[in-house]
Amino acid sequence: MPAAPDATHTPDVTRTPAAPVATRAPDVPVAPRTPAEPIDHDAARRLWAAYGAATGAVHDQTYEADTFGDSLELANSLLAAVTHGTKRATSSLLADFEAAGEAPPVIGAHWVACDGHGVPRAILRTTELRVARFAEVDGRFARDEGEDDGSLASWRREHRRYFERTCAARGATFAETDELLLERFTLVWPPAIADAADAADIGDTAEIGDAADLEDATGA
């Protein structure tokens, strides 16, 4: 899945480690879990180029191409919670990055969010990072993750299930004392679905008005 880096692209490793473990957000359904398909890096580069042309602010920056979760189904459902819902946060086990030999994200970093078929659908920018343990996650963060019923109880139930599964996939055992990386992000592209402040910054220079335009921009 990783692609060789170029001037504007870094491999999709920060949030999708090479090891069989996902680093983003929990699942609601138990089954099925179909492996996500390889990321279309050519389409990711086109989406990034469109964003850069519209904003003029990313010519010297790189991005990661990534999917949510650990399955095709979960990648699709969690991405939909971003593009058609209120999900603006996600959580990861810091040990997952260490196990895969990867650096965690940094504030201001961009990532091209892909669906379970590897098609780039949106660009997100990391706005906040905080290290916490499982019991330290509060109701506000659970709500910002925008999953299930948005309650802290459901966050704990589903994330415990998810972290137990992904830890087992790398031969580890999840403990509530494990450190988590709590990340908030903003949706910056395409402008038709971007968060209000980001859409205002983009202006009218590159509107994508409907689903057909979005498919053109992503190369889907």
N, C-alpha and C. Protein backbone atom coordinates (compact mmCIF):
# COMPACT_ATOMS: atom_id res chain seq x y z
N MET A 1 0.79 -1.21 0.00
CA MET A 1 0.00 0.00 0.00
C MET A 1 0.83 1.27 0.00
N PRO A 2 1.94 1.37 0.77
CA PRO A 2 2.67 2.62 0.76
C PRO A 2 3.23 2.93 -0.62
N ALA A 3 3.24 4.21 -0.96
CA ALA A 3 3.80 4.66 -2.23
C ALA A 3 5.07 5.42 -1.95
N ALA A 4 5.94 5.47 -2.96
CA ALA A 4 7.17 6.23 -2.79
C ALA A 4 6.84 7.70 -2.65
N PRO A 5 7.52 8.40 -1.74
CA PRO A 5 7.20 9.81 -1.53
C PRO A 5 7.62 10.65 -2.72
N ASP A 6 6.87 11.73 -2.97
CA ASP A 6 7.25 12.71 -3.97
C ASP A 6 7.22 14.07 -3.30
N ALA A 7 7.21 15.14 -4.09
CA ALA A 7 7.33 16.48 -3.53
C ALA A 7 6.17 16.85 -2.63
N THR A 8 5.02 16.26 -2.84
CA THR A 8 3.86 16.65 -2.06
C THR A 8 3.22 15.50 -1.31
N HIS A 9 3.82 14.34 -1.33
CA HIS A 9 3.15 13.16 -0.78
C HIS A 9 4.07 12.37 0.10
N THR A 10 3.61 11.97 1.25
CA THR A 10 4.32 11.01 2.09
C THR A 10 3.46 9.77 2.21
N PRO A 11 4.09 8.61 2.43
CA PRO A 11 3.31 7.36 2.39
C PRO A 11 2.19 7.34 3.42
N ASP A 12 1.21 6.48 3.16
CA ASP A 12 0.04 6.38 4.05
C ASP A 12 0.38 5.47 5.22
N VAL A 13 1.29 5.95 6.07
CA VAL A 13 1.76 5.10 7.16
C VAL A 13 1.40 5.64 8.53
N THR A 14 1.19 6.94 8.67
CA THR A 14 0.99 7.50 10.00
C THR A 14 -0.22 6.93 10.68
N ARG A 15 -1.32 6.76 9.95
CA ARG A 15 -2.54 6.29 10.58
C ARG A 15 -2.96 4.91 10.08
N THR A 16 -2.24 4.33 9.14
CA THR A 16 -2.53 2.98 8.69
C THR A 16 -1.23 2.20 8.69
N PRO A 17 -0.79 1.70 9.85
CA PRO A 17 0.50 1.03 9.95
C PRO A 17 0.59 -0.20 9.06
N ALA A 18 1.82 -0.56 8.74
CA ALA A 18 2.03 -1.74 7.91
C ALA A 18 1.59 -3.00 8.64
N ALA A 19 1.69 -3.00 9.95
CA ALA A 19 1.23 -4.15 10.73
C ALA A 19 -0.29 -4.24 10.64
N PRO A 20 -0.86 -5.44 10.88
CA PRO A 20 -2.32 -5.60 10.75
C PRO A 20 -3.07 -4.98 11.89
N VAL A 21 -2.97 -3.63 11.98
CA VAL A 21 -3.65 -2.94 13.05
C VAL A 21 -4.09 -1.58 12.55
N ALA A 22 -5.28 -1.17 12.92
CA ALA A 22 -5.76 0.15 12.53
C ALA A 22 -5.53 1.11 13.67
N THR A 23 -5.38 2.40 13.35
CA THR A 23 -5.06 3.36 14.39
C THR A 23 -6.12 4.42 14.54
N ARG A 24 -7.27 4.25 13.90
CA ARG A 24 -8.28 5.27 13.99
C ARG A 24 -9.63 4.72 14.38
N ALA A 25 -10.15 5.21 15.47
CA ALA A 25 -11.55 5.11 15.84
C ALA A 25 -12.13 3.71 15.93
N PRO A 26 -13.19 3.54 16.70
CA PRO A 26 -13.74 2.22 16.95
C PRO A 26 -14.84 1.84 15.99
N ASP A 27 -15.25 0.59 16.07
CA ASP A 27 -16.32 0.15 15.20
C ASP A 27 -17.61 0.00 15.99
N VAL A 28 -18.72 0.09 15.28
CA VAL A 28 -20.01 -0.22 15.87
C VAL A 28 -20.43 -1.63 15.48
N PRO A 29 -20.43 -1.98 14.16
CA PRO A 29 -20.80 -3.34 13.80
C PRO A 29 -19.72 -4.34 14.17
N VAL A 30 -20.11 -5.53 14.55
CA VAL A 30 -19.16 -6.58 14.87
C VAL A 30 -18.69 -7.28 13.60
N ALA A 31 -19.58 -7.43 12.62
CA ALA A 31 -19.26 -8.12 11.37
C ALA A 31 -20.14 -7.53 10.29
N PRO A 32 -19.75 -7.65 9.03
CA PRO A 32 -18.51 -8.24 8.57
C PRO A 32 -17.35 -7.26 8.65
N ARG A 33 -16.13 -7.80 8.52
CA ARG A 33 -14.95 -6.95 8.46
C ARG A 33 -14.13 -7.37 7.26
N THR A 34 -14.34 -6.70 6.17
CA THR A 34 -13.62 -6.95 4.93
C THR A 34 -12.38 -6.06 4.91
N PRO A 35 -11.22 -6.58 4.56
CA PRO A 35 -10.03 -5.73 4.50
C PRO A 35 -10.24 -4.54 3.55
N ALA A 36 -9.78 -3.37 3.96
CA ALA A 36 -9.87 -2.20 3.10
C ALA A 36 -9.00 -2.41 1.86
N GLU A 37 -9.40 -1.80 0.77
CA GLU A 37 -8.65 -1.93 -0.48
C GLU A 37 -7.49 -0.94 -0.51
N PRO A 38 -6.49 -1.19 -1.36
CA PRO A 38 -5.32 -0.28 -1.43
C PRO A 38 -5.75 1.15 -1.81
N ILE A 39 -5.05 2.10 -1.27
CA ILE A 39 -5.34 3.50 -1.53
C ILE A 39 -4.92 3.89 -2.95
N ASP A 40 -5.75 4.65 -3.61
CA ASP A 40 -5.45 5.17 -4.94
C ASP A 40 -4.62 6.44 -4.78
N HIS A 41 -3.31 6.29 -4.85
CA HIS A 41 -2.42 7.42 -4.59
C HIS A 41 -2.45 8.45 -5.71
N ASP A 42 -2.71 8.02 -6.94
CA ASP A 42 -2.83 8.99 -8.02
C ASP A 42 -4.02 9.92 -7.77
N ALA A 43 -5.15 9.35 -7.36
CA ALA A 43 -6.32 10.17 -7.05
C ALA A 43 -6.06 11.06 -5.84
N ALA A 44 -5.31 10.55 -4.86
CA ALA A 44 -4.98 11.37 -3.69
C ALA A 44 -4.15 12.57 -4.09
N ARG A 45 -3.20 12.37 -5.01
CA ARG A 45 -2.39 13.49 -5.47
C ARG A 45 -3.24 14.52 -6.22
N ARG A 46 -4.22 14.05 -6.98
CA ARG A 46 -5.09 14.99 -7.70
C ARG A 46 -5.93 15.80 -6.72
N LEU A 47 -6.44 15.14 -5.70
CA LEU A 47 -7.25 15.85 -4.71
C LEU A 47 -6.40 16.88 -3.98
N TRP A 48 -5.19 16.50 -3.60
CA TRP A 48 -4.28 17.41 -2.92
C TRP A 48 -3.93 18.60 -3.81
N ALA A 49 -3.70 18.33 -5.10
CA ALA A 49 -3.36 19.40 -6.03
C ALA A 49 -4.52 20.39 -6.17
N ALA A 50 -5.75 19.87 -6.20
CA ALA A 50 -6.92 20.76 -6.30
C ALA A 50 -7.03 21.64 -5.07
N TYR A 51 -6.77 21.06 -3.91
CA TYR A 51 -6.82 21.83 -2.66
C TYR A 51 -5.72 22.89 -2.66
N GLY A 52 -4.53 22.52 -3.07
CA GLY A 52 -3.42 23.47 -3.10
C GLY A 52 -3.66 24.61 -4.08
N ALA A 53 -4.23 24.27 -5.24
CA ALA A 53 -4.50 25.31 -6.24
C ALA A 53 -5.53 26.31 -5.73
N ALA A 54 -6.49 25.83 -4.95
CA ALA A 54 -7.55 26.70 -4.44
C ALA A 54 -7.08 27.57 -3.29
N THR A 55 -6.19 27.03 -2.44
CA THR A 55 -5.80 27.75 -1.24
C THR A 55 -4.46 28.47 -1.37
N GLY A 56 -3.58 27.92 -2.21
CA GLY A 56 -2.25 28.50 -2.36
C GLY A 56 -1.41 28.42 -1.10
N ALA A 57 -1.81 27.56 -0.17
CA ALA A 57 -1.16 27.55 1.13
C ALA A 57 -0.43 26.26 1.45
N VAL A 58 -0.40 25.32 0.53
CA VAL A 58 0.16 24.01 0.87
C VAL A 58 1.27 23.58 -0.09
N HIS A 59 1.84 24.54 -0.82
CA HIS A 59 2.83 24.15 -1.81
C HIS A 59 4.07 23.52 -1.20
N ASP A 60 4.36 23.85 0.06
CA ASP A 60 5.55 23.32 0.71
C ASP A 60 5.21 22.30 1.78
N GLN A 61 3.99 21.79 1.77
CA GLN A 61 3.57 20.84 2.78
C GLN A 61 3.35 19.46 2.17
N THR A 62 3.32 18.46 3.03
CA THR A 62 3.04 17.09 2.61
C THR A 62 1.76 16.62 3.27
N TYR A 63 1.35 15.42 2.93
CA TYR A 63 0.13 14.86 3.48
C TYR A 63 0.29 13.37 3.66
N GLU A 64 -0.64 12.79 4.39
CA GLU A 64 -0.74 11.34 4.51
C GLU A 64 -2.05 10.91 3.86
N ALA A 65 -2.04 9.80 3.17
CA ALA A 65 -3.27 9.20 2.65
C ALA A 65 -3.66 8.07 3.59
N ASP A 66 -4.91 8.04 4.03
CA ASP A 66 -5.26 7.17 5.14
C ASP A 66 -6.72 6.77 5.09
N THR A 67 -7.05 5.72 5.83
CA THR A 67 -8.44 5.33 6.04
C THR A 67 -8.71 5.23 7.53
N PHE A 68 -9.96 5.33 7.91
CA PHE A 68 -10.36 5.10 9.29
C PHE A 68 -10.51 3.59 9.53
N GLY A 69 -10.31 3.18 10.78
CA GLY A 69 -10.69 1.85 11.20
C GLY A 69 -9.82 0.73 10.67
N ASP A 70 -10.33 -0.50 10.81
CA ASP A 70 -9.56 -1.68 10.43
C ASP A 70 -10.30 -2.57 9.45
N SER A 71 -11.25 -2.00 8.71
CA SER A 71 -11.97 -2.79 7.72
C SER A 71 -12.58 -1.85 6.68
N LEU A 72 -12.97 -2.44 5.56
CA LEU A 72 -13.63 -1.66 4.51
C LEU A 72 -14.92 -1.04 5.04
N GLU A 73 -15.71 -1.85 5.75
CA GLU A 73 -17.00 -1.35 6.24
C GLU A 73 -16.82 -0.21 7.23
N LEU A 74 -15.85 -0.36 8.13
CA LEU A 74 -15.63 0.65 9.14
C LEU A 74 -15.05 1.93 8.53
N ALA A 75 -14.16 1.76 7.57
CA ALA A 75 -13.62 2.93 6.87
C ALA A 75 -14.73 3.75 6.24
N ASN A 76 -15.68 3.07 5.61
CA ASN A 76 -16.78 3.78 4.96
C ASN A 76 -17.70 4.45 5.96
N SER A 77 -18.05 3.74 7.02
CA SER A 77 -19.02 4.31 7.97
C SER A 77 -18.43 5.48 8.74
N LEU A 78 -17.16 5.40 9.11
CA LEU A 78 -16.57 6.50 9.87
C LEU A 78 -16.27 7.70 8.97
N LEU A 79 -15.89 7.45 7.73
CA LEU A 79 -15.70 8.58 6.81
C LEU A 79 -17.03 9.29 6.57
N ALA A 80 -18.11 8.52 6.44
CA ALA A 80 -19.42 9.14 6.26
C ALA A 80 -19.81 9.98 7.47
N ALA A 81 -19.37 9.56 8.67
CA ALA A 81 -19.65 10.34 9.86
C ALA A 81 -18.92 11.67 9.85
N VAL A 82 -17.84 11.75 9.06
CA VAL A 82 -17.12 13.02 8.88
C VAL A 82 -17.77 13.85 7.79
N THR A 83 -17.95 13.26 6.62
CA THR A 83 -18.41 14.04 5.46
C THR A 83 -19.90 14.36 5.51
N HIS A 84 -20.68 13.54 6.22
CA HIS A 84 -22.12 13.76 6.29
C HIS A 84 -22.61 13.86 7.74
N GLY A 85 -21.68 14.05 8.67
CA GLY A 85 -22.05 14.11 10.07
C GLY A 85 -21.18 15.07 10.84
N THR A 86 -21.06 14.83 12.14
CA THR A 86 -20.39 15.77 13.03
C THR A 86 -19.06 15.23 13.57
N LYS A 87 -18.59 14.12 13.07
CA LYS A 87 -17.35 13.55 13.58
C LYS A 87 -16.18 14.47 13.26
N ARG A 88 -15.54 14.98 14.30
CA ARG A 88 -14.38 15.85 14.14
C ARG A 88 -13.28 15.47 15.12
N ALA A 89 -13.25 14.22 15.51
CA ALA A 89 -12.21 13.74 16.42
C ALA A 89 -12.03 12.25 16.23
N THR A 90 -10.89 11.76 16.65
CA THR A 90 -10.60 10.34 16.59
C THR A 90 -9.52 10.02 17.62
N SER A 91 -9.37 8.76 17.94
CA SER A 91 -8.40 8.37 18.97
C SER A 91 -7.61 7.16 18.50
N SER A 92 -6.35 7.12 18.95
CA SER A 92 -5.43 6.07 18.54
C SER A 92 -4.62 5.61 19.74
N LEU A 93 -4.18 4.38 19.71
CA LEU A 93 -3.23 3.90 20.71
C LEU A 93 -1.82 4.34 20.31
N LEU A 94 -1.13 5.01 21.19
CA LEU A 94 0.24 5.42 20.87
C LEU A 94 1.12 4.21 20.58
N ALA A 95 0.84 3.11 21.22
CA ALA A 95 1.64 1.90 21.00
C ALA A 95 1.53 1.39 19.57
N ASP A 96 0.42 1.69 18.91
CA ASP A 96 0.27 1.26 17.51
C ASP A 96 1.31 1.94 16.63
N PHE A 97 1.54 3.23 16.85
CA PHE A 97 2.55 3.94 16.06
C PHE A 97 3.94 3.36 16.35
N GLU A 98 4.23 3.13 17.62
CA GLU A 98 5.53 2.59 18.00
C GLU A 98 5.73 1.20 17.39
N ALA A 99 4.70 0.37 17.44
CA ALA A 99 4.82 -0.99 16.91
C ALA A 99 5.09 -0.99 15.42
N ALA A 100 4.53 -0.01 14.72
CA ALA A 100 4.71 0.07 13.27
C ALA A 100 5.92 0.90 12.88
N GLY A 101 6.63 1.46 13.86
CA GLY A 101 7.80 2.26 13.56
C GLY A 101 7.46 3.58 12.89
N GLU A 102 6.33 4.16 13.26
CA GLU A 102 5.84 5.38 12.62
C GLU A 102 5.68 6.51 13.62
N ALA A 103 5.82 7.72 13.13
CA ALA A 103 5.63 8.89 13.97
C ALA A 103 4.14 9.23 14.03
N PRO A 104 3.65 9.67 15.18
CA PRO A 104 2.26 10.10 15.27
C PRO A 104 2.06 11.42 14.51
N PRO A 105 0.82 11.80 14.25
CA PRO A 105 0.56 13.05 13.55
C PRO A 105 0.97 14.25 14.40
N VAL A 106 1.07 15.40 13.75
CA VAL A 106 1.39 16.66 14.43
C VAL A 106 0.30 17.67 14.11
N ILE A 107 0.18 18.68 14.96
CA ILE A 107 -0.81 19.72 14.73
C ILE A 107 -0.49 20.46 13.43
N GLY A 108 -1.51 20.68 12.63
CA GLY A 108 -1.34 21.34 11.34
C GLY A 108 -1.13 20.39 10.19
N ALA A 109 -0.93 19.10 10.49
CA ALA A 109 -0.73 18.13 9.43
C ALA A 109 -2.03 17.88 8.68
N HIS A 110 -1.92 17.54 7.41
CA HIS A 110 -3.07 17.21 6.58
C HIS A 110 -3.08 15.72 6.29
N TRP A 111 -4.27 15.19 6.17
CA TRP A 111 -4.37 13.82 5.66
C TRP A 111 -5.55 13.69 4.72
N VAL A 112 -5.31 12.94 3.66
CA VAL A 112 -6.34 12.66 2.67
C VAL A 112 -7.10 11.43 3.16
N ALA A 113 -8.36 11.63 3.51
CA ALA A 113 -9.18 10.55 4.04
C ALA A 113 -9.81 9.78 2.90
N CYS A 114 -9.58 8.47 2.88
CA CYS A 114 -10.07 7.62 1.80
C CYS A 114 -11.17 6.70 2.33
N ASP A 115 -12.02 6.26 1.42
CA ASP A 115 -13.04 5.30 1.83
C ASP A 115 -12.45 3.89 1.82
N GLY A 116 -13.28 2.90 2.11
CA GLY A 116 -12.79 1.54 2.22
C GLY A 116 -12.31 0.94 0.91
N HIS A 117 -12.66 1.58 -0.20
CA HIS A 117 -12.19 1.13 -1.52
C HIS A 117 -10.93 1.86 -1.94
N GLY A 118 -10.38 2.68 -1.04
CA GLY A 118 -9.14 3.38 -1.33
C GLY A 118 -9.32 4.67 -2.10
N VAL A 119 -10.56 5.12 -2.27
CA VAL A 119 -10.84 6.34 -3.04
C VAL A 119 -10.77 7.55 -2.12
N PRO A 120 -9.95 8.55 -2.43
CA PRO A 120 -9.86 9.76 -1.60
C PRO A 120 -11.16 10.55 -1.69
N ARG A 121 -11.69 10.94 -0.52
CA ARG A 121 -12.97 11.65 -0.48
C ARG A 121 -12.90 13.01 0.19
N ALA A 122 -11.89 13.25 1.03
CA ALA A 122 -11.83 14.52 1.76
C ALA A 122 -10.41 14.75 2.26
N ILE A 123 -10.13 16.01 2.59
CA ILE A 123 -8.86 16.36 3.21
C ILE A 123 -9.15 16.93 4.59
N LEU A 124 -8.45 16.40 5.59
CA LEU A 124 -8.62 16.81 6.97
C LEU A 124 -7.32 17.45 7.47
N ARG A 125 -7.44 18.37 8.40
CA ARG A 125 -6.26 18.99 9.01
C ARG A 125 -6.33 18.83 10.52
N THR A 126 -5.26 18.31 11.10
CA THR A 126 -5.19 18.10 12.54
C THR A 126 -5.10 19.44 13.26
N THR A 127 -5.98 19.65 14.24
CA THR A 127 -6.02 20.93 14.96
C THR A 127 -5.67 20.80 16.44
N GLU A 128 -5.77 19.61 16.99
CA GLU A 128 -5.50 19.43 18.42
C GLU A 128 -5.06 18.01 18.68
N LEU A 129 -4.08 17.85 19.55
CA LEU A 129 -3.59 16.54 19.95
C LEU A 129 -3.40 16.53 21.46
N ARG A 130 -3.80 15.43 22.08
CA ARG A 130 -3.65 15.31 23.53
C ARG A 130 -3.44 13.84 23.89
N VAL A 131 -2.52 13.57 24.77
CA VAL A 131 -2.27 12.21 25.24
C VAL A 131 -3.07 12.00 26.52
N ALA A 132 -3.79 10.91 26.58
CA ALA A 132 -4.61 10.59 27.75
C ALA A 132 -4.73 9.08 27.88
N ARG A 133 -5.16 8.66 29.03
CA ARG A 133 -5.47 7.26 29.24
C ARG A 133 -6.97 7.05 29.05
N PHE A 134 -7.35 5.80 28.92
CA PHE A 134 -8.72 5.45 28.57
C PHE A 134 -9.74 6.14 29.47
N ALA A 135 -9.53 6.07 30.78
CA ALA A 135 -10.49 6.62 31.73
C ALA A 135 -10.49 8.14 31.75
N GLU A 136 -9.49 8.77 31.12
CA GLU A 136 -9.40 10.23 31.11
C GLU A 136 -10.15 10.87 29.95
N VAL A 137 -10.64 10.06 29.03
CA VAL A 137 -11.43 10.60 27.92
C VAL A 137 -12.78 11.06 28.48
N ASP A 138 -13.16 12.29 28.14
CA ASP A 138 -14.39 12.85 28.71
C ASP A 138 -15.55 12.83 27.72
N GLY A 139 -16.70 13.23 28.20
CA GLY A 139 -17.91 13.21 27.38
C GLY A 139 -17.85 14.13 26.18
N ARG A 140 -17.17 15.25 26.31
CA ARG A 140 -17.05 16.18 25.19
C ARG A 140 -16.28 15.56 24.04
N PHE A 141 -15.19 14.87 24.36
CA PHE A 141 -14.42 14.22 23.30
C PHE A 141 -15.23 13.09 22.67
N ALA A 142 -15.91 12.32 23.51
CA ALA A 142 -16.75 11.24 22.98
C ALA A 142 -17.79 11.79 22.01
N ARG A 143 -18.38 12.91 22.35
CA ARG A 143 -19.37 13.53 21.47
C ARG A 143 -18.72 13.99 20.16
N ASP A 144 -17.52 14.56 20.26
CA ASP A 144 -16.85 15.06 19.06
C ASP A 144 -16.43 13.93 18.12
N GLU A 145 -16.27 12.72 18.67
CA GLU A 145 -15.97 11.59 17.77
C GLU A 145 -17.16 11.25 16.89
N GLY A 146 -18.36 11.64 17.30
CA GLY A 146 -19.52 11.56 16.42
C GLY A 146 -19.96 10.17 16.02
N GLU A 147 -19.79 9.20 16.92
CA GLU A 147 -20.15 7.83 16.59
C GLU A 147 -21.20 7.29 17.54
N ASP A 148 -21.92 6.27 17.10
CA ASP A 148 -22.94 5.61 17.90
C ASP A 148 -23.90 6.68 18.44
N ASP A 149 -24.21 6.68 19.75
CA ASP A 149 -25.14 7.69 20.27
C ASP A 149 -24.43 8.92 20.83
N GLY A 150 -23.09 8.96 20.70
CA GLY A 150 -22.33 10.11 21.13
C GLY A 150 -22.07 10.19 22.63
N SER A 151 -22.50 9.18 23.37
CA SER A 151 -22.33 9.21 24.82
C SER A 151 -20.96 8.67 25.21
N LEU A 152 -20.51 9.04 26.40
CA LEU A 152 -19.26 8.52 26.92
C LEU A 152 -19.35 7.02 27.16
N ALA A 153 -20.50 6.55 27.59
CA ALA A 153 -20.67 5.11 27.84
C ALA A 153 -20.47 4.31 26.56
N SER A 154 -21.07 4.77 25.46
CA SER A 154 -20.91 4.04 24.21
C SER A 154 -19.49 4.16 23.68
N TRP A 155 -18.87 5.33 23.89
CA TRP A 155 -17.47 5.50 23.47
C TRP A 155 -16.60 4.46 24.18
N ARG A 156 -16.77 4.34 25.48
CA ARG A 156 -15.94 3.39 26.22
C ARG A 156 -16.21 1.96 25.80
N ARG A 157 -17.46 1.61 25.58
CA ARG A 157 -17.80 0.25 25.20
C ARG A 157 -17.19 -0.11 23.84
N GLU A 158 -17.41 0.74 22.85
CA GLU A 158 -16.97 0.42 21.49
C GLU A 158 -15.47 0.57 21.32
N HIS A 159 -14.87 1.57 21.99
CA HIS A 159 -13.42 1.71 21.87
C HIS A 159 -12.68 0.61 22.59
N ARG A 160 -13.19 0.17 23.72
CA ARG A 160 -12.55 -0.97 24.39
C ARG A 160 -12.57 -2.19 23.47
N ARG A 161 -13.69 -2.43 22.83
CA ARG A 161 -13.80 -3.56 21.90
C ARG A 161 -12.82 -3.42 20.74
N TYR A 162 -12.75 -2.21 20.23
CA TYR A 162 -11.85 -1.96 19.09
C TYR A 162 -10.38 -2.10 19.49
N PHE A 163 -9.98 -1.47 20.59
CA PHE A 163 -8.60 -1.54 21.01
C PHE A 163 -8.20 -2.96 21.40
N GLU A 164 -9.09 -3.70 22.00
CA GLU A 164 -8.79 -5.10 22.32
C GLU A 164 -8.52 -5.90 21.04
N ARG A 165 -9.33 -5.62 20.02
CA ARG A 165 -9.17 -6.35 18.76
C ARG A 165 -7.86 -5.98 18.06
N THR A 166 -7.55 -4.68 17.97
CA THR A 166 -6.36 -4.27 17.25
C THR A 166 -5.09 -4.62 18.01
N CYS A 167 -5.15 -4.58 19.34
CA CYS A 167 -3.99 -5.04 20.11
C CYS A 167 -3.74 -6.53 19.87
N ALA A 168 -4.81 -7.31 19.89
CA ALA A 168 -4.67 -8.75 19.65
C ALA A 168 -4.07 -9.02 18.28
N ALA A 169 -4.37 -8.17 17.31
CA ALA A 169 -3.86 -8.37 15.95
C ALA A 169 -2.35 -8.23 15.90
N ARG A 170 -1.76 -7.48 16.83
CA ARG A 170 -0.30 -7.35 16.87
C ARG A 170 0.31 -8.11 18.04
N GLY A 171 -0.47 -9.01 18.63
CA GLY A 171 0.04 -9.87 19.68
C GLY A 171 0.17 -9.20 21.03
N ALA A 172 -0.61 -8.16 21.27
CA ALA A 172 -0.57 -7.45 22.54
C ALA A 172 -1.93 -7.55 23.24
N THR A 173 -1.98 -7.07 24.45
CA THR A 173 -3.21 -7.05 25.22
C THR A 173 -3.52 -5.62 25.62
N PHE A 174 -4.72 -5.18 25.34
CA PHE A 174 -5.09 -3.81 25.67
C PHE A 174 -5.30 -3.66 27.18
N ALA A 175 -4.80 -2.55 27.72
CA ALA A 175 -5.03 -2.20 29.12
C ALA A 175 -5.49 -0.75 29.18
N GLU A 176 -6.36 -0.44 30.11
CA GLU A 176 -6.88 0.91 30.21
C GLU A 176 -5.82 1.92 30.62
N THR A 177 -4.66 1.43 31.03
CA THR A 177 -3.55 2.33 31.35
C THR A 177 -2.73 2.69 30.11
N ASP A 178 -3.01 2.05 28.97
CA ASP A 178 -2.30 2.38 27.73
C ASP A 178 -2.57 3.83 27.35
N GLU A 179 -1.57 4.49 26.81
CA GLU A 179 -1.73 5.88 26.41
C GLU A 179 -2.44 5.97 25.06
N LEU A 180 -3.37 6.89 24.98
CA LEU A 180 -4.10 7.16 23.74
C LEU A 180 -3.69 8.52 23.21
N LEU A 181 -3.73 8.67 21.90
CA LEU A 181 -3.57 9.97 21.27
C LEU A 181 -4.95 10.43 20.83
N LEU A 182 -5.43 11.50 21.45
CA LEU A 182 -6.74 12.06 21.14
C LEU A 182 -6.55 13.20 20.15
N GLU A 183 -7.17 13.08 19.01
CA GLU A 183 -6.95 14.02 17.91
C GLU A 183 -8.26 14.69 17.49
N ARG A 184 -8.21 15.99 17.36
CA ARG A 184 -9.31 16.72 16.73
C ARG A 184 -8.84 17.24 15.38
N PHE A 185 -9.77 17.33 14.46
CA PHE A 185 -9.42 17.77 13.11
C PHE A 185 -10.54 18.61 12.53
N THR A 186 -10.24 19.29 11.44
CA THR A 186 -11.23 20.05 10.70
C THR A 186 -11.28 19.53 9.27
N LEU A 187 -12.44 19.59 8.67
CA LEU A 187 -12.63 19.16 7.29
C LEU A 187 -12.39 20.37 6.39
N VAL A 188 -11.35 20.30 5.55
CA VAL A 188 -10.96 21.48 4.77
C VAL A 188 -11.25 21.36 3.28
N TRP A 189 -11.52 20.18 2.78
CA TRP A 189 -11.73 20.00 1.34
C TRP A 189 -12.53 18.73 1.10
N PRO A 190 -13.46 18.72 0.15
CA PRO A 190 -13.80 19.76 -0.83
C PRO A 190 -14.67 20.86 -0.22
N PRO A 191 -14.72 22.02 -0.86
CA PRO A 191 -15.42 23.16 -0.26
C PRO A 191 -16.91 22.95 -0.07
N ALA A 192 -17.52 22.08 -0.85
CA ALA A 192 -18.95 21.85 -0.71
C ALA A 192 -19.31 21.27 0.64
N ILE A 193 -18.35 20.58 1.28
CA ILE A 193 -18.63 19.97 2.58
C ILE A 193 -17.64 20.42 3.66
N ALA A 194 -16.76 21.36 3.32
CA ALA A 194 -15.75 21.83 4.28
C ALA A 194 -16.41 22.54 5.44
N ASP A 195 -15.73 22.50 6.59
CA ASP A 195 -16.21 23.25 7.74
C ASP A 195 -16.27 24.74 7.40
N ALA A 196 -17.16 25.46 8.04
CA ALA A 196 -17.50 26.83 7.62
C ALA A 196 -16.29 27.74 7.51
N ALA A 197 -15.43 27.75 8.50
CA ALA A 197 -14.28 28.65 8.48
C ALA A 197 -13.35 28.34 7.32
N ASP A 198 -13.16 27.05 7.05
CA ASP A 198 -12.28 26.66 5.96
C ASP A 198 -12.91 26.95 4.62
N ALA A 199 -14.21 26.75 4.50
CA ALA A 199 -14.90 27.06 3.26
C ALA A 199 -14.81 28.55 2.96
N ALA A 200 -14.90 29.38 4.00
CA ALA A 200 -14.80 30.82 3.81
C ALA A 200 -13.41 31.21 3.33
N ASP A 201 -12.39 30.53 3.84
CA ASP A 201 -11.02 30.82 3.42
C ASP A 201 -10.81 30.46 1.96
N ILE A 202 -11.43 29.38 1.52
CA ILE A 202 -11.29 28.95 0.14
C ILE A 202 -12.00 29.89 -0.80
N GLY A 203 -13.16 30.39 -0.37
CA GLY A 203 -13.92 31.31 -1.20
C GLY A 203 -14.54 30.62 -2.39
N ASP A 204 -14.68 31.36 -3.46
CA ASP A 204 -15.36 30.86 -4.65
C ASP A 204 -14.40 30.42 -5.73
N THR A 205 -13.13 30.23 -5.40
CA THR A 205 -12.15 29.97 -6.45
C THR A 205 -12.26 28.59 -7.05
N ALA A 206 -12.76 27.64 -6.26
CA ALA A 206 -12.81 26.27 -6.77
C ALA A 206 -13.97 25.54 -6.15
N GLU A 207 -15.18 25.90 -6.49
CA GLU A 207 -16.35 25.25 -5.90
C GLU A 207 -16.55 23.88 -6.50
N ILE A 208 -16.92 22.95 -5.63
CA ILE A 208 -17.36 21.63 -6.07
C ILE A 208 -18.79 21.51 -5.61
N GLY A 209 -19.72 21.65 -6.52
CA GLY A 209 -21.10 21.84 -6.12
C GLY A 209 -21.91 20.60 -5.88
N ASP A 210 -21.51 19.46 -6.44
CA ASP A 210 -22.33 18.28 -6.28
C ASP A 210 -21.48 17.04 -6.31
N ALA A 211 -22.13 15.90 -6.18
CA ALA A 211 -21.40 14.64 -6.10
C ALA A 211 -20.61 14.36 -7.36
N ALA A 212 -21.12 14.73 -8.51
CA ALA A 212 -20.42 14.48 -9.75
C ALA A 212 -19.11 15.26 -9.79
N ASP A 213 -19.13 16.52 -9.33
CA ASP A 213 -17.92 17.31 -9.27
C ASP A 213 -16.92 16.71 -8.30
N LEU A 214 -17.42 16.20 -7.17
CA LEU A 214 -16.54 15.59 -6.19
C LEU A 214 -15.85 14.38 -6.79
N GLU A 215 -16.57 13.59 -7.57
CA GLU A 215 -15.96 12.43 -8.20
C GLU A 215 -14.89 12.86 -9.19
N ASP A 216 -15.11 13.96 -9.93
CA ASP A 216 -14.10 14.45 -10.86
C ASP A 216 -12.84 14.85 -10.10
N ALA A 217 -13.02 15.52 -8.96
CA ALA A 217 -11.88 16.00 -8.19
C ALA A 217 -11.06 14.87 -7.61
N THR A 218 -11.72 13.77 -7.25
CA THR A 218 -11.02 12.65 -6.65
C THR A 218 -10.53 11.65 -7.68
N GLY A 219 -10.97 11.81 -8.91
CA GLY A 219 -10.60 10.86 -9.94
C GLY A 219 -11.35 9.57 -9.86
N ALA A 220 -12.46 9.55 -9.05
CA ALA A 220 -13.22 8.32 -8.88
C ALA A 220 -14.07 8.04 -10.10
